């Protein structure tokens, strides 16, 4: 319940699971749009802290990347999926405009209430939008689970095996694990899949080994590569209406997760 708090140890462990759960989507969305994922992670953290303070810690929510922006951003900037965006300023200007529209909608909700949103976007509409977003992302998930990439466009059976093992581990933990462990299926299942890949790939040579050299070469502290927004009427007209989709997306997920 909103007024209940877990012990500190359980809170830390569940927080780690939430990091694992949010990381893929928060990083994948900017990569697909050609952004610097470090910038997305940075501002997701800032926005989440602001949200936590504004709600007094009563709403345990994380503010991450929205995949609803991918199509409009690619169309507005002429970028290629997964490649550096040559017109990132135009994309940022459109996203800022979408934020302004979203803020305006929030002000209206504060003044007039939220019933008009429910009448304008009933569950049949918001549910369909959330389902459509999931269906659009399904090929990306399949490609990632298959290990597809520039050097291996068809993926590999080994990658599919590890992906299937991870899914089974997550399901098994969620159903059969005792006590608190049952609430950590993503964290534990992900760890099982990771160590299985580590043993089979790095130890037995059955797949591309995990490269730890990049971790060793990375700096402990650093700043993301910030860019300035460029405000263009064409880009704004394509990207700003995504705020309407965000309302439906948020309403749909809220209804879905409500008890």
Protein backbone atom coordinates (compact mmCIF):
# COMPACT_ATOMS: atom_id res chain seq x y z
CA UNK A 1 0.00 0.00 0.00
CA UNK A 2 1.17 3.60 -0.54
CA UNK A 3 1.62 4.17 3.20
CA UNK A 4 3.57 0.94 3.78
CA UNK A 5 7.34 0.58 3.67
CA UNK A 6 9.47 -2.53 3.27
CA UNK A 7 12.55 -3.09 5.46
CA UNK A 8 15.69 -1.42 4.13
CA UNK A 9 17.29 -4.67 2.95
CA UNK A 10 14.25 -5.73 0.92
CA UNK A 11 13.91 -2.21 -0.48
CA UNK A 12 17.50 -2.29 -1.78
CA UNK A 13 17.07 -5.73 -3.37
CA UNK A 14 13.78 -4.79 -5.03
CA UNK A 15 15.40 -1.55 -6.19
CA UNK A 16 18.16 -3.55 -7.87
CA UNK A 17 15.53 -5.62 -9.66
CA UNK A 18 13.85 -2.43 -10.83
CA UNK A 19 17.16 -1.22 -12.24
CA UNK A 20 17.47 -4.46 -14.23
CA UNK A 21 13.85 -4.25 -15.39
CA UNK A 22 14.02 -0.61 -16.48
CA UNK A 23 17.50 -0.63 -17.97
CA UNK A 24 16.75 -2.43 -21.21
CA UNK A 25 13.91 -0.17 -22.31
CA UNK A 26 15.54 3.04 -21.06
CA UNK A 27 18.70 2.30 -23.05
CA UNK A 28 17.11 0.66 -26.09
CA UNK A 29 14.73 3.51 -26.98
CA UNK A 30 17.46 6.19 -27.33
CA UNK A 31 19.73 3.76 -29.19
CA UNK A 32 16.97 3.10 -31.74
CA UNK A 33 16.47 6.87 -32.19
CA UNK A 34 20.20 7.54 -32.47
CA UNK A 35 20.53 9.34 -29.11
CA UNK A 36 23.23 9.04 -26.49
CA UNK A 37 21.74 6.53 -24.00
CA UNK A 38 23.72 8.15 -21.17
CA UNK A 39 21.66 11.31 -21.62
CA UNK A 40 18.43 9.31 -21.42
CA UNK A 41 19.57 7.53 -18.24
CA UNK A 42 20.69 10.83 -16.68
CA UNK A 43 17.40 12.62 -17.28
CA UNK A 44 15.37 9.55 -16.35
CA UNK A 45 17.10 9.65 -12.98
CA UNK A 46 16.53 13.40 -12.58
CA UNK A 47 12.87 13.11 -13.58
CA UNK A 48 12.31 10.16 -11.25
CA UNK A 49 13.79 12.07 -8.30
CA UNK A 50 11.60 15.11 -9.08
CA UNK A 51 8.55 12.86 -9.36
CA UNK A 52 9.40 11.13 -6.08
CA UNK A 53 9.73 14.47 -4.27
CA UNK A 54 6.55 15.88 -5.86
CA UNK A 55 4.49 12.86 -4.79
CA UNK A 56 6.05 12.67 -1.35
CA UNK A 57 7.27 9.15 -2.06
CA UNK A 58 3.70 7.82 -2.14
CA UNK A 59 3.81 6.63 -5.77
CA UNK A 60 6.61 4.10 -6.43
CA UNK A 61 7.16 4.80 -10.11
CA UNK A 62 10.13 5.14 -12.44
CA UNK A 63 10.10 7.61 -15.33
CA UNK A 64 11.90 6.03 -18.26
CA UNK A 65 11.98 6.19 -22.05
CA UNK A 66 8.80 5.97 -24.10
CA UNK A 67 8.83 3.97 -27.32
CA UNK A 68 5.98 6.10 -28.62
CA UNK A 69 8.58 8.67 -29.72
CA UNK A 70 10.60 6.33 -31.92
CA UNK A 71 8.50 6.51 -35.09
CA UNK A 72 7.85 10.28 -35.07
CA UNK A 73 11.49 11.08 -34.20
CA UNK A 74 12.84 8.91 -37.01
CA UNK A 75 10.37 10.45 -39.45
CA UNK A 76 11.11 14.02 -38.36
CA UNK A 77 14.89 13.67 -38.45
CA UNK A 78 15.35 11.23 -41.32
CA UNK A 79 17.48 9.01 -39.11
CA UNK A 80 18.12 5.29 -39.53
CA UNK A 81 17.15 2.92 -36.74
CA UNK A 82 20.08 2.22 -34.46
CA UNK A 83 22.43 4.70 -36.16
CA UNK A 84 23.65 8.08 -34.78
CA UNK A 85 20.99 10.69 -35.40
CA UNK A 86 22.33 13.47 -37.70
CA UNK A 87 19.53 15.85 -36.69
CA UNK A 88 19.35 15.20 -32.98
CA UNK A 89 18.66 18.89 -32.30
CA UNK A 90 15.39 18.71 -34.25
CA UNK A 91 14.38 15.64 -32.28
CA UNK A 92 15.15 17.33 -28.97
CA UNK A 93 13.18 20.43 -29.95
CA UNK A 94 10.15 18.30 -30.80
CA UNK A 95 10.48 16.35 -27.55
CA UNK A 96 10.65 19.60 -25.55
CA UNK A 97 7.48 20.75 -27.30
CA UNK A 98 5.83 17.42 -26.45
CA UNK A 99 6.82 18.01 -22.83
CA UNK A 100 5.16 21.42 -22.90
CA UNK A 101 1.95 19.91 -24.29
CA UNK A 102 2.08 17.12 -21.70
CA UNK A 103 2.55 19.69 -18.93
CA UNK A 104 -0.43 21.65 -20.21
CA UNK A 105 -2.55 18.51 -20.11
CA UNK A 106 -1.40 17.93 -16.53
CA UNK A 107 -2.43 21.44 -15.53
CA UNK A 108 -5.87 20.89 -17.06
CA UNK A 109 -6.21 17.62 -15.13
CA UNK A 110 -5.27 19.39 -11.89
CA UNK A 111 -7.90 22.06 -12.49
CA UNK A 112 -10.73 20.07 -14.09
CA UNK A 113 -10.06 16.56 -12.81
CA UNK A 114 -9.31 13.37 -14.72
CA UNK A 115 -12.80 12.23 -15.66
CA UNK A 116 -12.63 13.94 -19.05
CA UNK A 117 -9.54 11.87 -19.89
CA UNK A 118 -11.40 8.65 -19.06
CA UNK A 119 -14.33 9.74 -21.24
CA UNK A 120 -12.05 10.79 -24.08
CA UNK A 121 -9.88 7.67 -23.81
CA UNK A 122 -11.89 4.72 -22.49
CA UNK A 123 -10.17 1.42 -21.63
CA UNK A 124 -10.84 0.08 -25.14
CA UNK A 125 -8.74 2.92 -26.58
CA UNK A 126 -5.92 3.02 -24.05
CA UNK A 127 -5.67 -0.78 -23.93
CA UNK A 128 -5.42 -0.95 -27.71
CA UNK A 129 -2.67 1.70 -27.75
CA UNK A 130 -0.63 -0.13 -25.12
CA UNK A 131 -1.12 -3.40 -27.02
CA UNK A 132 -0.09 -1.74 -30.29
CA UNK A 133 3.11 -0.41 -28.73
CA UNK A 134 3.91 -3.92 -27.50
CA UNK A 135 3.26 -5.44 -30.92
CA UNK A 136 5.49 -2.86 -32.60
CA UNK A 137 8.29 -3.74 -30.16
CA UNK A 138 7.84 -7.51 -30.54
CA UNK A 139 10.18 -7.84 -33.58
CA UNK A 140 12.87 -5.87 -31.72
CA UNK A 141 12.56 -8.19 -28.73
CA UNK A 142 12.75 -11.26 -30.97
CA UNK A 143 15.80 -9.87 -32.73
CA UNK A 144 17.53 -9.09 -29.44
CA UNK A 145 16.73 -12.55 -28.07
CA UNK A 146 18.10 -14.10 -31.25
CA UNK A 147 21.37 -12.20 -30.98
CA UNK A 148 20.99 -10.39 -34.29
CA UNK A 149 23.50 -7.69 -35.14
CA UNK A 150 25.58 -6.21 -37.97
CA UNK A 151 27.84 -9.27 -38.07
CA UNK A 152 25.06 -11.83 -37.57
CA UNK A 153 21.76 -10.59 -39.06
CA UNK A 154 20.07 -13.97 -38.58
CA UNK A 155 21.08 -14.50 -34.97
CA UNK A 156 22.17 -17.84 -33.57
CA UNK A 157 20.67 -20.89 -31.94
CA UNK A 158 22.95 -20.38 -28.94
CA UNK A 159 21.53 -16.90 -28.29
CA UNK A 160 17.98 -18.23 -28.59
CA UNK A 161 18.79 -21.01 -26.14
CA UNK A 162 20.11 -18.57 -23.54
CA UNK A 163 17.11 -16.27 -24.08
CA UNK A 164 14.71 -19.19 -23.62
CA UNK A 165 16.62 -20.32 -20.53
CA UNK A 166 16.31 -16.82 -19.07
CA UNK A 167 12.55 -16.66 -19.72
CA UNK A 168 12.05 -20.10 -18.14
CA UNK A 169 14.17 -19.07 -15.14
CA UNK A 170 12.14 -15.89 -14.65
CA UNK A 171 8.87 -17.85 -14.81
CA UNK A 172 10.13 -20.58 -12.49
CA UNK A 173 11.28 -18.07 -9.88
CA UNK A 174 7.99 -16.18 -10.06
CA UNK A 175 5.98 -19.39 -9.52
CA UNK A 176 8.10 -21.68 -7.35
CA UNK A 177 10.56 -19.55 -5.38
CA UNK A 178 9.86 -19.14 -1.66
CA UNK A 179 9.03 -15.92 0.17
CA UNK A 180 10.67 -12.72 -1.01
CA UNK A 181 12.59 -14.55 -3.75
CA UNK A 182 9.31 -14.96 -5.64
CA UNK A 183 9.14 -11.16 -5.95
CA UNK A 184 12.56 -11.02 -7.63
CA UNK A 185 12.00 -13.03 -10.83
CA UNK A 186 13.62 -10.54 -13.19
CA UNK A 187 16.70 -10.02 -11.02
CA UNK A 188 17.25 -13.73 -10.31
CA UNK A 189 16.21 -14.97 -13.75
CA UNK A 190 18.44 -12.39 -15.42
CA UNK A 191 21.36 -13.43 -13.22
CA UNK A 192 20.81 -17.09 -14.13
CA UNK A 193 20.77 -16.26 -17.84
CA UNK A 194 23.85 -14.05 -17.51
CA UNK A 195 25.94 -16.63 -15.69
CA UNK A 196 24.80 -19.36 -18.08
CA UNK A 197 25.99 -17.24 -21.00
CA UNK A 198 29.24 -16.46 -19.18
CA UNK A 199 29.99 -20.13 -18.61
CA UNK A 200 28.92 -21.34 -22.04
CA UNK A 201 30.44 -18.48 -24.07
CA UNK A 202 33.52 -17.35 -22.12
CA UNK A 203 34.25 -20.74 -20.57
CA UNK A 204 33.27 -23.20 -23.29
CA UNK A 205 33.48 -21.04 -26.40
CA UNK A 206 29.94 -21.74 -27.61
CA UNK A 207 29.21 -18.08 -28.40
CA UNK A 208 30.71 -14.62 -28.60
CA UNK A 209 32.37 -14.06 -25.21
CA UNK A 210 31.45 -11.19 -22.94
CA UNK A 211 34.02 -8.41 -23.40
CA UNK A 212 35.03 -7.06 -19.99
CA UNK A 213 37.75 -4.80 -21.42
CA UNK A 214 35.25 -2.01 -22.11
CA UNK A 215 34.20 -2.02 -18.47
CA UNK A 216 37.81 -1.72 -17.37
CA UNK A 217 38.45 1.12 -19.81
CA UNK A 218 35.34 3.09 -18.82
CA UNK A 219 35.70 6.11 -16.55
CA UNK A 220 34.25 5.97 -13.05
CA UNK A 221 32.67 9.42 -13.45
CA UNK A 222 31.68 11.34 -16.55
CA UNK A 223 29.07 13.58 -18.11
CA UNK A 224 26.69 12.60 -20.93
CA UNK A 225 27.08 14.20 -24.35
CA UNK A 226 24.47 16.92 -24.16
CA UNK A 227 23.07 18.61 -27.28
CA UNK A 228 21.05 21.76 -27.87
CA UNK A 229 17.44 21.52 -29.07
CA UNK A 230 16.50 23.07 -32.38
CA UNK A 231 12.90 24.18 -32.70
CA UNK A 232 11.43 23.51 -36.13
CA UNK A 233 7.75 23.69 -36.99
CA UNK A 234 7.90 20.52 -39.07
CA UNK A 235 9.60 18.43 -36.39
CA UNK A 236 7.36 19.83 -33.65
CA UNK A 237 4.21 19.04 -35.64
CA UNK A 238 5.32 15.39 -35.89
CA UNK A 239 6.69 14.86 -32.39
CA UNK A 240 4.61 17.09 -30.09
CA UNK A 241 1.34 15.13 -30.63
CA UNK A 242 3.07 12.13 -29.02
CA UNK A 243 1.98 13.76 -25.74
CA UNK A 244 -1.57 12.59 -26.51
CA UNK A 245 -0.28 9.05 -26.95
CA UNK A 246 1.57 9.33 -23.64
CA UNK A 247 -1.71 10.16 -21.90
CA UNK A 248 -3.28 7.03 -23.35
CA UNK A 249 -0.17 4.98 -22.62
CA UNK A 250 -0.02 6.12 -19.00
CA UNK A 251 -3.76 5.65 -18.49
CA UNK A 252 -3.65 2.19 -20.01
CA UNK A 253 -0.75 0.98 -17.92
CA UNK A 254 -2.29 2.47 -14.78
CA UNK A 255 -5.52 0.59 -15.38
CA UNK A 256 -3.61 -2.57 -16.19
CA UNK A 257 -1.57 -2.47 -12.97
CA UNK A 258 -4.43 -1.40 -10.70
CA UNK A 259 -5.62 -4.09 -8.26
